[in-house]
Amino acid sequence: MNFCSIVFLIFLSLHNGLAIYTAEGKASYYADRLHGHRTASGERYDKEKFTAAHATLPFNTVVRVTNLKNGKAVVVTVNDRMARSRHNIIDVSRAAALQIDLIREGSTRVRLDEVKKEALEQQERLTDVSEAEAIPKK
């Protein structure tokens, strides 16, 4: 191997580590009867929280799920596993399904975009600042 090949391999290995997950496919949502059952991560499923099941993403990965029919999006945290499926790429909680109008149809085409935790924390800080500014001074 020459020097250029080694540099190229190092560049590829570093670049791949920074890749952000994106995918398109069908999504469905958890049945209400699963409320309170343990997920694969050990947490109990809460239909009021914004969580999801995915076949391969690590637990605690934050993903934006966008309904491709209406453009509505919700941010969920992966806390459960689902079987690899040729039909669905993600199962979201009932609360998340309500946010993107998935309840009536039961399943729909979505786009998944991983959200880096740094971007999420920055957004939360901006929300805190704007809420503080919105409080009227006496």
Protein backbone atom coordinates (compact mmCIF):
# COMPACT_ATOMS: atom_id res chain seq x y z
CA MET A 1 0.00 0.00 0.00
CA ASN A 2 1.26 3.42 -0.82
CA PHE A 3 0.95 6.52 1.37
CA CYS A 4 -2.03 7.96 -0.58
CA SER A 5 -4.04 4.76 -0.10
CA ILE A 6 -3.44 4.82 3.64
CA VAL A 7 -4.48 8.47 3.91
CA PHE A 8 -7.58 7.76 1.83
CA LEU A 9 -8.59 4.81 4.07
CA ILE A 10 -8.11 6.91 7.21
CA PHE A 11 -10.22 9.69 5.69
CA LEU A 12 -13.00 7.24 4.82
CA SER A 13 -13.02 5.67 8.27
CA LEU A 14 -13.23 9.08 9.96
CA HIS A 15 -15.85 10.35 7.54
CA ASN A 16 -18.09 7.30 7.99
CA GLY A 17 -18.14 7.82 11.76
CA LEU A 18 -19.73 11.22 11.25
CA ALA A 19 -22.48 9.95 8.94
CA ILE A 20 -26.04 10.73 9.99
CA TYR A 21 -28.72 8.09 9.45
CA THR A 22 -31.52 8.80 6.98
CA ALA A 23 -34.07 6.43 5.48
CA GLU A 24 -37.48 6.35 3.85
CA GLY A 25 -40.15 3.70 4.23
CA LYS A 26 -43.38 2.89 6.01
CA ALA A 27 -44.13 3.61 9.65
CA SER A 28 -46.82 2.27 11.93
CA TYR A 29 -47.60 2.79 15.61
CA TYR A 30 -47.86 0.72 18.79
CA ALA A 31 -51.21 -0.67 19.84
CA ASP A 32 -52.66 0.75 23.07
CA ARG A 33 -52.64 -2.72 24.62
CA LEU A 34 -48.82 -2.54 24.82
CA HIS A 35 -48.97 0.45 27.21
CA GLY A 36 -47.02 -0.44 30.35
CA HIS A 37 -45.18 -3.43 28.84
CA ARG A 38 -41.40 -3.52 28.96
CA THR A 39 -39.49 -2.48 25.85
CA ALA A 40 -36.24 -4.08 24.71
CA SER A 41 -34.29 -1.31 26.48
CA GLY A 42 -35.97 -2.19 29.79
CA GLU A 43 -38.16 0.93 29.93
CA ARG A 44 -41.91 0.56 30.12
CA TYR A 45 -43.78 1.65 27.00
CA ASP A 46 -45.70 4.85 27.64
CA LYS A 47 -48.10 5.78 24.85
CA GLU A 48 -47.86 9.46 25.90
CA LYS A 49 -44.09 9.70 25.34
CA PHE A 50 -42.34 10.29 22.03
CA THR A 51 -40.57 6.96 21.58
CA ALA A 52 -40.11 4.40 18.82
CA ALA A 53 -38.95 0.92 17.90
CA HIS A 54 -36.34 0.38 15.19
CA ALA A 55 -34.62 -2.78 13.99
CA THR A 56 -31.00 -1.61 14.08
CA LEU A 57 -30.52 1.90 15.49
CA PRO A 58 -28.94 1.97 18.97
CA PHE A 59 -31.15 2.73 21.97
CA ASN A 60 -31.44 6.45 22.79
CA THR A 61 -30.87 7.46 19.17
CA VAL A 62 -32.98 10.54 18.46
CA VAL A 63 -34.80 10.49 15.11
CA ARG A 64 -37.04 12.99 13.32
CA VAL A 65 -39.94 11.14 11.66
CA THR A 66 -41.59 13.10 8.85
CA ASN A 67 -44.90 12.03 7.31
CA LEU A 68 -44.27 12.35 3.57
CA LYS A 69 -47.98 12.84 2.80
CA ASN A 70 -48.49 15.96 4.92
CA GLY A 71 -45.00 17.14 5.91
CA LYS A 72 -45.71 16.89 9.66
CA ALA A 73 -42.75 15.78 11.76
CA VAL A 74 -42.04 14.55 15.28
CA VAL A 75 -38.82 13.81 17.14
CA VAL A 76 -38.69 10.42 18.89
CA THR A 77 -36.15 8.43 20.89
CA VAL A 78 -35.48 4.79 20.00
CA ASN A 79 -36.09 2.62 23.08
CA ASP A 80 -37.34 -0.64 21.58
CA ARG A 81 -36.54 -3.20 18.90
CA MET A 82 -38.74 -4.41 16.11
CA ALA A 83 -38.25 -7.31 13.76
CA ARG A 84 -36.58 -6.47 10.49
CA SER A 85 -39.46 -5.97 8.13
CA ARG A 86 -39.85 -5.45 4.43
CA HIS A 87 -42.96 -3.42 5.25
CA ASN A 88 -42.06 -1.01 8.10
CA ILE A 89 -38.87 0.80 9.06
CA ILE A 90 -40.14 2.21 12.37
CA ASP A 91 -42.96 1.85 14.89
CA VAL A 92 -43.76 5.02 16.82
CA SER A 93 -45.67 5.59 20.06
CA ARG A 94 -49.30 6.71 19.99
CA ALA A 95 -48.33 10.28 21.01
CA ALA A 96 -45.88 10.49 18.09
CA ALA A 97 -48.46 9.00 15.71
CA LEU A 98 -50.96 11.69 16.74
CA GLN A 99 -48.41 14.44 16.00
CA ILE A 100 -47.92 13.30 12.40
CA ASP A 101 -51.55 12.25 11.69
CA LEU A 102 -50.75 8.53 11.48
CA ILE A 103 -53.63 7.24 13.64
CA ARG A 104 -56.38 7.15 11.01
CA GLU A 105 -54.32 5.46 8.30
CA GLY A 106 -52.43 3.07 10.57
CA SER A 107 -49.29 3.26 8.44
CA THR A 108 -47.80 5.75 6.03
CA ARG A 109 -44.59 6.61 4.18
CA VAL A 110 -42.09 8.51 6.29
CA ARG A 111 -38.58 9.87 6.18
CA LEU A 112 -36.25 9.26 9.13
CA ASP A 113 -33.44 11.68 9.92
CA GLU A 114 -31.14 11.14 12.88
CA VAL A 115 -30.90 14.19 15.11
CA LYS A 116 -27.57 14.68 16.81
CA LYS A 117 -27.87 15.23 20.56
CA GLU A 118 -25.86 18.47 20.34
CA ALA A 119 -28.43 19.99 17.97
CA LEU A 120 -31.28 18.86 20.22
CA GLU A 121 -29.64 20.36 23.33
CA GLN A 122 -29.04 23.63 21.47
CA GLN A 123 -32.71 23.75 20.42
CA GLU A 124 -33.80 23.17 24.03
CA ARG A 125 -31.57 26.06 25.20
CA LEU A 126 -33.09 28.35 22.56
CA THR A 127 -36.60 27.37 23.69
CA ASP A 128 -35.70 28.16 27.32
CA VAL A 129 -34.43 31.61 26.32
CA SER A 130 -37.48 32.44 24.20
CA GLU A 131 -39.84 31.33 26.97
CA ALA A 132 -37.97 33.55 29.46
CA GLU A 133 -38.28 36.52 27.09
CA ALA A 134 -42.02 35.84 26.66
CA ILE A 135 -42.70 36.30 30.39
CA PRO A 136 -43.84 39.91 30.88
CA LYS A 137 -41.92 42.00 33.41
CA LYS A 138 -43.91 43.62 36.21
